[in-house]
């Protein structure tokens, strides 16, 4: 298994209580931790503007600004977003931004891309909120623009959603073949078909049953469009609450609730636990290894892991590095 690490950026209220002037130092520190050694292949951020579980005035740092910053302050880890919303930036412009970050990083950028879902921030930023079919149409056309821009240094498309006319993207990415594409989302009729056509990586449901089902759907689309299913790396995201004992796991989850309750209230704070409880990366190291091993056997070969306490306490990350990673890498 390969391993990516989410950097706290505020979207999930994971920089609460840290002075805004110190937040970049915290984010950079976690990224530099991942950059040392060989445990983490990549670091990741979310592409969102408003916080969850509800919009607040707490900081939520912008993804591609962070990509450029991490490109300049790390040396080894690859740099991804899970995932960029296609409609938030013109795709020719985004292709150029990503290519510039790739040059700064000496060829370490990944492009996580999806159709987007967070209606509140869409409308707040003036993007409207198109129906799902339109958002996925924008995704498809945008990916076509990326492919041209990174391959040829120019892109033209007279599409339904986007029109670009000989847009010059120079410099091109340093990576041969352009920046790797991660098509994120599990929509079975459209998103996974787009993934079958264009993706080097997918990212969808990380539960065992859900992962198996989405994999079968993807395989069907690959057969239909003539893509090698086995050539696509299938990944999933995991929220981590790890402890030497189950009591320590419960303590970690309670710390999360306690931290965000003053911001969103007790009901919303407790609801945040639904993203953790009963899921594969919650438990003791032995429990997590057992659950992730089953997913690995099902074809999940790249996990991207989120530790909600990372800005304040790296002991969970370090325990995961010591006792989970070696068992799954071996």
C-alpha atoms as a PDB file:
ATOM      1  CA  UNK A   1       0.000   0.000   0.000  1.00  0.00           C
ATOM      2  CA  UNK A   2       1.040   3.580  -0.684  1.00  0.00           C
ATOM      3  CA  UNK A   3       0.338   6.369   1.801  1.00  0.00           C
ATOM      4  CA  UNK A   4      -0.701  10.008   1.556  1.00  0.00           C
ATOM      5  CA  UNK A   5      -1.224  12.450   4.434  1.00  0.00           C
ATOM      6  CA  UNK A   6      -3.762  15.277   4.623  1.00  0.00           C
ATOM      7  CA  UNK A   7      -2.371  18.576   5.904  1.00  0.00           C
ATOM      8  CA  UNK A   8      -4.638  20.518   8.312  1.00  0.00           C
ATOM      9  CA  UNK A   9      -5.768  23.656   6.466  1.00  0.00           C
ATOM     10  CA  UNK A  10      -8.827  24.718   8.439  1.00  0.00           C
ATOM     11  CA  UNK A  11     -11.597  23.270   6.258  1.00  0.00           C
ATOM     12  CA  UNK A  12     -12.527  20.703   8.901  1.00  0.00           C
ATOM     13  CA  UNK A  13     -11.955  23.168  11.756  1.00  0.00           C
ATOM     14  CA  UNK A  14      -8.531  21.637  12.328  1.00  0.00           C
ATOM     15  CA  UNK A  15      -6.696  24.926  12.952  1.00  0.00           C
ATOM     16  CA  UNK A  16      -9.107  26.245  15.596  1.00  0.00           C
ATOM     17  CA  UNK A  17      -7.339  28.136  18.374  1.00  0.00           C
ATOM     18  CA  UNK A  18      -4.148  28.696  16.373  1.00  0.00           C
ATOM     19  CA  UNK A  19      -3.360  32.325  15.646  1.00  0.00           C
ATOM     20  CA  UNK A  20      -3.817  33.054  11.916  1.00  0.00           C
ATOM     21  CA  UNK A  21      -0.273  34.376  11.773  1.00  0.00           C
ATOM     22  CA  UNK A  22       1.000  30.993  12.984  1.00  0.00           C
ATOM     23  CA  UNK A  23      -1.181  28.745  10.841  1.00  0.00           C
ATOM     24  CA  UNK A  24       1.166  28.568   7.853  1.00  0.00           C
ATOM     25  CA  UNK A  25       4.016  27.529  10.143  1.00  0.00           C
ATOM     26  CA  UNK A  26       1.822  24.728  11.509  1.00  0.00           C
ATOM     27  CA  UNK A  27       0.820  23.519   8.045  1.00  0.00           C
ATOM     28  CA  UNK A  28       4.389  23.703   6.792  1.00  0.00           C
ATOM     29  CA  UNK A  29       5.582  21.797   9.858  1.00  0.00           C
ATOM     30  CA  UNK A  30       3.238  18.872   9.177  1.00  0.00           C
ATOM     31  CA  UNK A  31       4.254  18.848   5.505  1.00  0.00           C
ATOM     32  CA  UNK A  32       7.930  18.888   6.442  1.00  0.00           C
ATOM     33  CA  UNK A  33       7.337  15.996   8.826  1.00  0.00           C
ATOM     34  CA  UNK A  34       5.856  14.007   5.954  1.00  0.00           C
ATOM     35  CA  UNK A  35       8.713  15.061   3.681  1.00  0.00           C
ATOM     36  CA  UNK A  36      11.277  13.491   5.985  1.00  0.00           C
ATOM     37  CA  UNK A  37      11.881   9.758   5.690  1.00  0.00           C
ATOM     38  CA  UNK A  38       9.970   7.531   3.299  1.00  0.00           C
ATOM     39  CA  UNK A  39       6.668   6.767   5.045  1.00  0.00           C
ATOM     40  CA  UNK A  40       4.474   9.263   3.222  1.00  0.00           C
ATOM     41  CA  UNK A  41       4.511   9.351  -0.555  1.00  0.00           C
ATOM     42  CA  UNK A  42       2.337  12.453  -0.767  1.00  0.00           C
ATOM     43  CA  UNK A  43       0.652  15.294   1.115  1.00  0.00           C
ATOM     44  CA  UNK A  44      -2.860  16.523   0.341  1.00  0.00           C
ATOM     45  CA  UNK A  45      -5.245  19.399   0.943  1.00  0.00           C
ATOM     46  CA  UNK A  46      -8.958  19.885   0.272  1.00  0.00           C
ATOM     47  CA  UNK A  47     -10.267  22.364  -2.291  1.00  0.00           C
ATOM     48  CA  UNK A  48     -12.893  24.207  -0.275  1.00  0.00           C
ATOM     49  CA  UNK A  49     -13.591  27.795   0.714  1.00  0.00           C
ATOM     50  CA  UNK A  50     -16.096  27.353   3.585  1.00  0.00           C
ATOM     51  CA  UNK A  51     -15.654  25.168   6.625  1.00  0.00           C
ATOM     52  CA  UNK A  52     -17.572  22.037   7.624  1.00  0.00           C
ATOM     53  CA  UNK A  53     -19.692  20.761   9.335  1.00  0.00           C
ATOM     54  CA  UNK A  54     -21.090  24.254   8.729  1.00  0.00           C
ATOM     55  CA  UNK A  55     -19.752  27.508   7.273  1.00  0.00           C
ATOM     56  CA  UNK A  56     -17.981  29.577   9.907  1.00  0.00           C
ATOM     57  CA  UNK A  57     -15.582  32.508  10.053  1.00  0.00           C
ATOM     58  CA  UNK A  58     -12.706  30.186  10.920  1.00  0.00           C
ATOM     59  CA  UNK A  59      -9.781  30.084   8.469  1.00  0.00           C
ATOM     60  CA  UNK A  60      -9.974  27.772   5.456  1.00  0.00           C
ATOM     61  CA  UNK A  61      -6.814  28.130   3.375  1.00  0.00           C
ATOM     62  CA  UNK A  62      -7.009  27.939  -0.434  1.00  0.00           C
ATOM     63  CA  UNK A  63      -5.730  24.740  -2.004  1.00  0.00           C
ATOM     64  CA  UNK A  64      -3.642  25.895  -4.962  1.00  0.00           C
ATOM     65  CA  UNK A  65      -1.944  28.648  -2.959  1.00  0.00           C
ATOM     66  CA  UNK A  66      -0.879  25.878  -0.607  1.00  0.00           C
ATOM     67  CA  UNK A  67       0.262  23.743  -3.549  1.00  0.00           C
ATOM     68  CA  UNK A  68       2.687  26.478  -4.600  1.00  0.00           C
ATOM     69  CA  UNK A  69       3.864  26.987  -1.017  1.00  0.00           C
ATOM     70  CA  UNK A  70       4.462  23.283  -0.400  1.00  0.00           C
ATOM     71  CA  UNK A  71       6.177  22.993  -3.773  1.00  0.00           C
ATOM     72  CA  UNK A  72       8.729  25.535  -2.574  1.00  0.00           C
ATOM     73  CA  UNK A  73       9.173  24.220   0.984  1.00  0.00           C
ATOM     74  CA  UNK A  74       9.325  20.432   0.520  1.00  0.00           C
ATOM     75  CA  UNK A  75      11.708  18.320  -1.503  1.00  0.00           C
ATOM     76  CA  UNK A  76      10.415  14.747  -1.824  1.00  0.00           C
ATOM     77  CA  UNK A  77       6.698  14.272  -1.201  1.00  0.00           C
ATOM     78  CA  UNK A  78       4.216  14.555  -4.020  1.00  0.00           C
ATOM     79  CA  UNK A  79       1.542  17.252  -3.753  1.00  0.00           C
ATOM     80  CA  UNK A  80      -2.164  16.659  -4.266  1.00  0.00           C
ATOM     81  CA  UNK A  81      -5.655  18.058  -3.701  1.00  0.00           C
ATOM     82  CA  UNK A  82      -8.607  15.826  -2.899  1.00  0.00           C
ATOM     83  CA  UNK A  83     -10.086  17.192  -4.822  1.00  0.00           C
ATOM     84  CA  UNK A  84      -9.984  20.326  -6.954  1.00  0.00           C
ATOM     85  CA  UNK A  85     -13.448  21.445  -8.067  1.00  0.00           C
ATOM     86  CA  UNK A  86     -13.332  21.951 -11.815  1.00  0.00           C
ATOM     87  CA  UNK A  87     -15.829  24.811 -11.882  1.00  0.00           C
ATOM     88  CA  UNK A  88     -14.031  26.970  -9.315  1.00  0.00           C
ATOM     89  CA  UNK A  89     -11.368  28.001 -11.869  1.00  0.00           C
ATOM     90  CA  UNK A  90     -11.358  28.199 -15.632  1.00  0.00           C
ATOM     91  CA  UNK A  91      -9.733  24.903 -16.704  1.00  0.00           C
ATOM     92  CA  UNK A  92      -7.168  26.500 -19.041  1.00  0.00           C
ATOM     93  CA  UNK A  93      -6.147  28.805 -16.197  1.00  0.00           C
ATOM     94  CA  UNK A  94      -6.077  25.866 -13.787  1.00  0.00           C
ATOM     95  CA  UNK A  95      -3.923  23.870 -16.209  1.00  0.00           C
ATOM     96  CA  UNK A  96      -1.434  26.749 -16.155  1.00  0.00           C
ATOM     97  CA  UNK A  97      -1.520  27.089 -12.361  1.00  0.00           C
ATOM     98  CA  UNK A  98      -0.885  23.356 -11.965  1.00  0.00           C
ATOM     99  CA  UNK A  99       1.925  23.403 -14.532  1.00  0.00           C
ATOM    100  CA  UNK A 100       3.607  26.279 -12.686  1.00  0.00           C
ATOM    101  CA  UNK A 101       3.347  24.392  -9.377  1.00  0.00           C
ATOM    102  CA  UNK A 102       4.806  21.338 -11.089  1.00  0.00           C
ATOM    103  CA  UNK A 103       7.808  23.354 -12.232  1.00  0.00           C
ATOM    104  CA  UNK A 104       8.313  24.860  -8.762  1.00  0.00           C
ATOM    105  CA  UNK A 105       8.161  21.377  -7.211  1.00  0.00           C
ATOM    106  CA  UNK A 106      10.432  19.845  -9.870  1.00  0.00           C
ATOM    107  CA  UNK A 107       7.680  17.538 -11.069  1.00  0.00           C
ATOM    108  CA  UNK A 108       5.783  16.473  -7.929  1.00  0.00           C
ATOM    109  CA  UNK A 109       2.193  17.666  -8.485  1.00  0.00           C
ATOM    110  CA  UNK A 110      -0.853  15.393  -8.686  1.00  0.00           C
ATOM    111  CA  UNK A 111      -4.181  16.685 -10.036  1.00  0.00           C
ATOM    112  CA  UNK A 112      -7.134  15.520  -7.978  1.00  0.00           C
ATOM    113  CA  UNK A 113     -10.231  16.711  -9.810  1.00  0.00           C
ATOM    114  CA  UNK A 114     -13.980  16.351  -9.417  1.00  0.00           C
ATOM    115  CA  UNK A 115     -17.346  17.901 -10.153  1.00  0.00           C
ATOM    116  CA  UNK A 116     -17.838  19.580  -6.765  1.00  0.00           C
ATOM    117  CA  UNK A 117     -20.685  19.309  -4.245  1.00  0.00           C
ATOM    118  CA  UNK A 118     -20.589  21.972  -1.481  1.00  0.00           C
ATOM    119  CA  UNK A 119     -23.588  24.078  -2.510  1.00  0.00           C
ATOM    120  CA  UNK A 120     -23.154  26.769   0.134  1.00  0.00           C
ATOM    121  CA  UNK A 121     -19.709  27.811  -1.067  1.00  0.00           C
ATOM    122  CA  UNK A 122     -20.694  27.518  -4.751  1.00  0.00           C
ATOM    123  CA  UNK A 123     -23.497  30.024  -4.294  1.00  0.00           C
ATOM    124  CA  UNK A 124     -21.573  32.253  -1.899  1.00  0.00           C
ATOM    125  CA  UNK A 125     -18.751  32.659  -4.416  1.00  0.00           C
ATOM    126  CA  UNK A 126     -21.125  33.400  -7.268  1.00  0.00           C
ATOM    127  CA  UNK A 127     -20.813  30.139  -9.188  1.00  0.00           C
ATOM    128  CA  UNK A 128     -24.487  29.245  -8.939  1.00  0.00           C
ATOM    129  CA  UNK A 129     -25.035  25.545  -8.398  1.00  0.00           C
ATOM    130  CA  UNK A 130     -25.624  23.721 -11.701  1.00  0.00           C
ATOM    131  CA  UNK A 131     -27.410  20.400 -11.700  1.00  0.00           C
ATOM    132  CA  UNK A 132     -25.151  17.320 -11.366  1.00  0.00           C
ATOM    133  CA  UNK A 133     -25.142  16.560 -15.089  1.00  0.00           C
ATOM    134  CA  UNK A 134     -23.824  20.039 -15.878  1.00  0.00           C
ATOM    135  CA  UNK A 135     -21.149  19.854 -13.203  1.00  0.00           C
ATOM    136  CA  UNK A 136     -19.977  16.515 -14.553  1.00  0.00           C
ATOM    137  CA  UNK A 137     -20.062  17.864 -18.109  1.00  0.00           C
ATOM    138  CA  UNK A 138     -17.749  20.637 -16.936  1.00  0.00           C
ATOM    139  CA  UNK A 139     -15.481  18.003 -15.410  1.00  0.00           C
ATOM    140  CA  UNK A 140     -15.292  16.052 -18.668  1.00  0.00           C
ATOM    141  CA  UNK A 141     -14.525  19.080 -20.818  1.00  0.00           C
ATOM    142  CA  UNK A 142     -12.023  20.473 -18.340  1.00  0.00           C
ATOM    143  CA  UNK A 143     -10.073  17.226 -18.270  1.00  0.00           C
ATOM    144  CA  UNK A 144      -9.895  17.335 -22.076  1.00  0.00           C
ATOM    145  CA  UNK A 145      -8.413  20.833 -21.846  1.00  0.00           C
ATOM    146  CA  UNK A 146      -5.838  19.643 -19.301  1.00  0.00           C
ATOM    147  CA  UNK A 147      -4.744  16.819 -21.579  1.00  0.00           C
ATOM    148  CA  UNK A 148      -4.120  19.138 -24.531  1.00  0.00           C
ATOM    149  CA  UNK A 149      -2.479  21.857 -22.452  1.00  0.00           C
ATOM    150  CA  UNK A 150      -0.018  19.559 -20.743  1.00  0.00           C
ATOM    151  CA  UNK A 151       0.753  17.496 -23.825  1.00  0.00           C
ATOM    152  CA  UNK A 152       1.012  20.237 -26.441  1.00  0.00           C
ATOM    153  CA  UNK A 153       1.388  23.472 -24.486  1.00  0.00           C
ATOM    154  CA  UNK A 154      -1.795  24.755 -26.159  1.00  0.00           C
ATOM    155  CA  UNK A 155      -5.481  23.946 -25.809  1.00  0.00           C
ATOM    156  CA  UNK A 156      -8.587  24.590 -27.886  1.00  0.00           C
ATOM    157  CA  UNK A 157     -12.102  23.389 -27.189  1.00  0.00           C
ATOM    158  CA  UNK A 158     -15.478  24.585 -28.400  1.00  0.00           C
ATOM    159  CA  UNK A 159     -17.518  22.817 -25.767  1.00  0.00           C
ATOM    160  CA  UNK A 160     -20.894  23.131 -24.131  1.00  0.00           C
ATOM    161  CA  UNK A 161     -19.432  24.507 -20.915  1.00  0.00           C
ATOM    162  CA  UNK A 162     -15.967  25.780 -21.836  1.00  0.00           C
ATOM    163  CA  UNK A 163     -14.550  27.499 -24.884  1.00  0.00           C
ATOM    164  CA  UNK A 164     -10.833  28.073 -25.190  1.00  0.00           C
ATOM    165  CA  UNK A 165      -9.118  29.124 -28.408  1.00  0.00           C
ATOM    166  CA  UNK A 166      -5.449  28.214 -28.702  1.00  0.00           C
ATOM    167  CA  UNK A 167      -4.763  28.923 -25.028  1.00  0.00           C
ATOM    168  CA  UNK A 168      -1.002  28.797 -24.472  1.00  0.00           C
ATOM    169  CA  UNK A 169       0.145  26.901 -21.388  1.00  0.00           C
ATOM    170  CA  UNK A 170       3.846  27.504 -21.047  1.00  0.00           C
ATOM    171  CA  UNK A 171       5.788  26.226 -19.317  1.00  0.00           C
ATOM    172  CA  UNK A 172       4.326  22.765 -19.553  1.00  0.00           C
ATOM    173  CA  UNK A 173       4.589  20.432 -16.542  1.00  0.00           C
ATOM    174  CA  UNK A 174       7.958  18.797 -16.024  1.00  0.00           C
ATOM    175  CA  UNK A 175       6.404  15.336 -15.727  1.00  0.00           C
ATOM    176  CA  UNK A 176       6.429  13.242 -18.881  1.00  0.00           C
ATOM    177  CA  UNK A 177       2.856  12.885 -20.105  1.00  0.00           C
ATOM    178  CA  UNK A 178       1.665  15.741 -17.923  1.00  0.00           C
ATOM    179  CA  UNK A 179       0.370  15.811 -14.352  1.00  0.00           C
ATOM    180  CA  UNK A 180      -1.253  12.546 -13.180  1.00  0.00           C
ATOM    181  CA  UNK A 181      -5.043  12.753 -13.014  1.00  0.00           C
ATOM    182  CA  UNK A 182      -7.023  11.557 -10.005  1.00  0.00           C
ATOM    183  CA  UNK A 183     -10.719  11.494 -10.866  1.00  0.00           C
ATOM    184  CA  UNK A 184     -12.474  11.666  -7.511  1.00  0.00           C
ATOM    185  CA  UNK A 185     -16.033  10.589  -6.827  1.00  0.00           C
ATOM    186  CA  UNK A 186     -18.129   7.469  -7.098  1.00  0.00           C
ATOM    187  CA  UNK A 187     -20.949   8.503  -9.428  1.00  0.00           C
ATOM    188  CA  UNK A 188     -21.578   5.296 -11.309  1.00  0.00           C
ATOM    189  CA  UNK A 189     -23.053   6.513 -14.591  1.00  0.00           C
ATOM    190  CA  UNK A 190     -20.839   9.496 -15.338  1.00  0.00           C
ATOM    191  CA  UNK A 191     -17.944  10.100 -12.903  1.00  0.00           C
ATOM    192  CA  UNK A 192     -16.570   6.578 -13.063  1.00  0.00           C
ATOM    193  CA  UNK A 193     -16.938   6.568 -16.846  1.00  0.00           C
ATOM    194  CA  UNK A 194     -14.884   9.781 -17.007  1.00  0.00           C
ATOM    195  CA  UNK A 195     -12.353   8.052 -14.753  1.00  0.00           C
ATOM    196  CA  UNK A 196     -12.240   5.037 -17.055  1.00  0.00           C
ATOM    197  CA  UNK A 197     -11.440   7.308 -20.009  1.00  0.00           C
ATOM    198  CA  UNK A 198      -8.894   9.654 -18.478  1.00  0.00           C
ATOM    199  CA  UNK A 199      -7.690   8.756 -14.975  1.00  0.00           C
ATOM    200  CA  UNK A 200      -4.425   7.307 -13.795  1.00  0.00           C
ATOM    201  CA  UNK A 201      -5.934   7.205 -10.289  1.00  0.00           C
ATOM    202  CA  UNK A 202      -9.438   7.016  -8.855  1.00  0.00           C
ATOM    203  CA  UNK A 203     -10.637   7.937  -5.379  1.00  0.00           C
ATOM    204  CA  UNK A 204     -13.973   6.657  -4.080  1.00  0.00           C
ATOM    205  CA  UNK A 205     -15.802   4.858  -1.252  1.00  0.00           C
ATOM    206  CA  UNK A 206     -13.281   3.443   1.207  1.00  0.00           C
ATOM    207  CA  UNK A 207     -15.509   0.945   2.995  1.00  0.00           C
ATOM    208  CA  UNK A 208     -14.927  -2.650   1.983  1.00  0.00           C
ATOM    209  CA  UNK A 209     -18.367  -3.225   0.501  1.00  0.00           C
ATOM    210  CA  UNK A 210     -18.478   0.159  -1.191  1.00  0.00           C
ATOM    211  CA  UNK A 211     -14.971  -0.143  -2.579  1.00  0.00           C
ATOM    212  CA  UNK A 212     -15.679  -3.543  -4.099  1.00  0.00           C
ATOM    213  CA  UNK A 213     -18.876  -2.307  -5.715  1.00  0.00           C
ATOM    214  CA  UNK A 214     -17.359   0.879  -7.167  1.00  0.00           C
ATOM    215  CA  UNK A 215     -14.428  -1.158  -8.462  1.00  0.00           C
ATOM    216  CA  UNK A 216     -16.807  -3.449 -10.327  1.00  0.00           C
ATOM    217  CA  UNK A 217     -18.570  -0.468 -11.874  1.00  0.00           C
ATOM    218  CA  UNK A 218     -15.242   1.066 -12.907  1.00  0.00           C
ATOM    219  CA  UNK A 219     -14.157  -2.235 -14.436  1.00  0.00           C
ATOM    220  CA  UNK A 220     -17.319  -2.309 -16.513  1.00  0.00           C
ATOM    221  CA  UNK A 221     -16.694   1.199 -17.837  1.00  0.00           C
ATOM    222  CA  UNK A 222     -13.077   0.336 -18.605  1.00  0.00           C
ATOM    223  CA  UNK A 223     -14.216  -2.640 -20.670  1.00  0.00           C
ATOM    224  CA  UNK A 224     -16.692  -0.406 -22.493  1.00  0.00           C
ATOM    225  CA  UNK A 225     -14.196   2.338 -23.404  1.00  0.00           C
ATOM    226  CA  UNK A 226     -11.208   0.024 -23.957  1.00  0.00           C
ATOM    227  CA  UNK A 227      -9.094   1.059 -20.956  1.00  0.00           C
ATOM    228  CA  UNK A 228      -6.883  -1.295 -18.936  1.00  0.00           C
ATOM    229  CA  UNK A 229      -8.673  -1.476 -15.577  1.00  0.00           C
ATOM    230  CA  UNK A 230      -5.562  -2.815 -13.833  1.00  0.00           C
ATOM    231  CA  UNK A 231      -3.547   0.222 -14.946  1.00  0.00           C
ATOM    232  CA  UNK A 232      -5.746   2.564 -12.859  1.00  0.00           C
ATOM    233  CA  UNK A 233      -4.637   2.923  -9.245  1.00  0.00           C
ATOM    234  CA  UNK A 234      -7.674   2.793  -6.951  1.00  0.00           C
ATOM    235  CA  UNK A 235      -7.417   4.911  -3.814  1.00  0.00           C
ATOM    236  CA  UNK A 236      -9.616   5.963  -0.907  1.00  0.00           C
ATOM    237  CA  UNK A 237      -9.551   8.550   1.891  1.00  0.00           C
ATOM    238  CA  UNK A 238      -9.574   7.573   5.563  1.00  0.00           C
ATOM    239  CA  UNK A 239     -10.252   9.563   8.704  1.00  0.00           C
ATOM    240  CA  UNK A 240      -7.967   8.275  11.443  1.00  0.00           C
ATOM    241  CA  UNK A 241      -8.521   7.940  15.168  1.00  0.00           C
ATOM    242  CA  UNK A 242      -5.793   5.669  16.490  1.00  0.00           C
ATOM    243  CA  UNK A 243      -4.715   4.699  19.998  1.00  0.00           C
ATOM    244  CA  UNK A 244      -2.828   1.960  21.787  1.00  0.00           C
ATOM    245  CA  UNK A 245      -6.127   1.034  23.441  1.00  0.00           C
ATOM    246  CA  UNK A 246      -9.780   1.530  22.579  1.00  0.00           C
ATOM    247  CA  UNK A 247      -9.990   3.997  25.455  1.00  0.00           C
ATOM    248  CA  UNK A 248      -7.300   6.106  23.808  1.00  0.00           C
ATOM    249  CA  UNK A 249      -9.241   6.005  20.546  1.00  0.00           C
ATOM    250  CA  UNK A 250     -12.338   7.281  22.356  1.00  0.00           C
ATOM    251  CA  UNK A 251     -10.264  10.039  23.949  1.00  0.00           C
ATOM    252  CA  UNK A 252      -9.058  11.213  20.544  1.00  0.00           C
ATOM    253  CA  UNK A 253     -12.595  11.400  19.227  1.00  0.00           C
ATOM    254  CA  UNK A 254     -13.750  13.268  22.316  1.00  0.00           C
ATOM    255  CA  UNK A 255     -10.930  15.784  21.855  1.00  0.00           C
ATOM    256  CA  UNK A 256     -12.243  16.456  18.350  1.00  0.00           C
ATOM    257  CA  UNK A 257     -15.741  17.072  19.701  1.00  0.00           C
ATOM    258  CA  UNK A 258     -14.449  19.298  22.477  1.00  0.00           C
ATOM    259  CA  UNK A 259     -12.369  21.385  20.076  1.00  0.00           C
ATOM    260  CA  UNK A 260     -15.131  22.229  17.615  1.00  0.00           C
ATOM    261  CA  UNK A 261     -18.120  22.410  19.999  1.00  0.00           C
ATOM    262  CA  UNK A 262     -17.504  26.104  20.859  1.00  0.00           C
ATOM    263  CA  UNK A 263     -17.555  26.864  17.120  1.00  0.00           C
ATOM    264  CA  UNK A 264     -20.506  24.820  15.817  1.00  0.00           C
ATOM    265  CA  UNK A 265     -22.359  23.708  18.945  1.00  0.00           C
ATOM    266  CA  UNK A 266     -22.675  20.263  20.535  1.00  0.00           C
ATOM    267  CA  UNK A 267     -25.072  18.730  17.997  1.00  0.00           C
ATOM    268  CA  UNK A 268     -22.950  19.549  14.936  1.00  0.00           C
ATOM    269  CA  UNK A 269     -19.786  18.612  16.805  1.00  0.00           C
ATOM    270  CA  UNK A 270     -21.177  15.175  17.635  1.00  0.00           C
ATOM    271  CA  UNK A 271     -22.322  14.727  14.042  1.00  0.00           C
ATOM    272  CA  UNK A 272     -18.696  15.038  12.934  1.00  0.00           C
ATOM    273  CA  UNK A 273     -18.063  11.652  14.555  1.00  0.00           C
ATOM    274  CA  UNK A 274     -20.123   9.938  11.854  1.00  0.00           C
ATOM    275  CA  UNK A 275     -17.108  10.361   9.572  1.00  0.00           C
ATOM    276  CA  UNK A 276     -15.044   8.247  11.976  1.00  0.00           C
ATOM    277  CA  UNK A 277     -17.023   5.764  14.025  1.00  0.00           C
ATOM    278  CA  UNK A 278     -17.072   2.231  12.633  1.00  0.00           C
ATOM    279  CA  UNK A 279     -14.865   3.099   9.667  1.00  0.00           C
ATOM    280  CA  UNK A 280     -11.630   1.363   8.619  1.00  0.00           C
ATOM    281  CA  UNK A 281      -8.994   3.700  10.099  1.00  0.00           C
ATOM    282  CA  UNK A 282     -10.493   3.983  13.579  1.00  0.00           C
ATOM    283  CA  UNK A 283      -9.182   1.703  16.307  1.00  0.00           C
ATOM    284  CA  UNK A 284      -5.988   0.264  17.699  1.00  0.00           C
ATOM    285  CA  UNK A 285      -3.122  -0.372  15.265  1.00  0.00           C
ATOM    286  CA  UNK A 286      -4.040  -4.054  15.088  1.00  0.00           C
ATOM    287  CA  UNK A 287      -7.676  -3.288  14.308  1.00  0.00           C
ATOM    288  CA  UNK A 288      -6.776  -0.761  11.629  1.00  0.00           C
ATOM    289  CA  UNK A 289      -4.288  -3.130   9.984  1.00  0.00           C
ATOM    290  CA  UNK A 290      -6.904  -5.865   9.850  1.00  0.00           C
ATOM    291  CA  UNK A 291      -9.506  -3.631   8.201  1.00  0.00           C
ATOM    292  CA  UNK A 292      -7.120  -1.985   5.748  1.00  0.00           C
ATOM    293  CA  UNK A 293      -5.590  -5.353   4.829  1.00  0.00           C
ATOM    294  CA  UNK A 294      -9.004  -6.523   3.667  1.00  0.00           C
ATOM    295  CA  UNK A 295      -9.310  -3.397   1.528  1.00  0.00           C
ATOM    296  CA  UNK A 296      -5.829  -3.931   0.162  1.00  0.00           C
ATOM    297  CA  UNK A 297      -6.836  -7.448  -0.843  1.00  0.00           C
ATOM    298  CA  UNK A 298      -9.818  -5.913  -2.666  1.00  0.00           C
ATOM    299  CA  UNK A 299      -7.486  -3.728  -4.740  1.00  0.00           C
ATOM    300  CA  UNK A 300      -7.185  -0.526  -2.689  1.00  0.00           C
ATOM    301  CA  UNK A 301      -3.487   0.221  -3.138  1.00  0.00           C
ATOM    302  CA  UNK A 302      -3.264   3.893  -2.109  1.00  0.00           C
ATOM    303  CA  UNK A 303      -4.735   5.348   1.088  1.00  0.00           C
ATOM    304  CA  UNK A 304      -4.851   9.049   1.940  1.00  0.00           C
ATOM    305  CA  UNK A 305      -5.152   9.569   5.682  1.00  0.00           C
ATOM    306  CA  UNK A 306      -6.579  12.449   7.701  1.00  0.00           C
ATOM    307  CA  UNK A 307      -5.643  12.963  11.365  1.00  0.00           C
ATOM    308  CA  UNK A 308      -7.929  15.650  12.843  1.00  0.00           C
ATOM    309  CA  UNK A 309      -5.482  16.483  15.614  1.00  0.00           C
ATOM    310  CA  UNK A 310      -2.408  16.847  13.363  1.00  0.00           C
ATOM    311  CA  UNK A 311      -2.025  20.598  13.950  1.00  0.00           C
ATOM    312  CA  UNK A 312      -1.833  20.105  17.713  1.00  0.00           C
ATOM    313  CA  UNK A 313      -0.452  16.624  18.348  1.00  0.00           C
ATOM    314  CA  UNK A 314       1.508  14.282  16.067  1.00  0.00           C
ATOM    315  CA  UNK A 315       1.442  11.264  18.365  1.00  0.00           C
ATOM    316  CA  UNK A 316      -1.334   9.632  16.345  1.00  0.00           C
ATOM    317  CA  UNK A 317       0.573  10.124  13.117  1.00  0.00           C
ATOM    318  CA  UNK A 318       3.704   8.692  14.711  1.00  0.00           C
ATOM    319  CA  UNK A 319       1.858   5.648  16.087  1.00  0.00           C
ATOM    320  CA  UNK A 320       0.381   5.035  12.638  1.00  0.00           C
ATOM    321  CA  UNK A 321       3.842   5.331  11.088  1.00  0.00           C
ATOM    322  CA  UNK A 322       5.346   2.857  13.561  1.00  0.00           C
ATOM    323  CA  UNK A 323       2.692   0.167  13.707  1.00  0.00           C
ATOM    324  CA  UNK A 324       0.317   0.442  10.752  1.00  0.00           C
ATOM    325  CA  UNK A 325       2.444   1.418   7.766  1.00  0.00           C
ATOM    326  CA  UNK A 326       5.058  -1.365   8.071  1.00  0.00           C
ATOM    327  CA  UNK A 327       2.355  -4.051   8.330  1.00  0.00           C
ATOM    328  CA  UNK A 328       0.612  -2.862   5.171  1.00  0.00           C
ATOM    329  CA  UNK A 329       3.757  -2.146   3.198  1.00  0.00           C
ATOM    330  CA  UNK A 330       5.237  -5.576   3.878  1.00  0.00           C
END
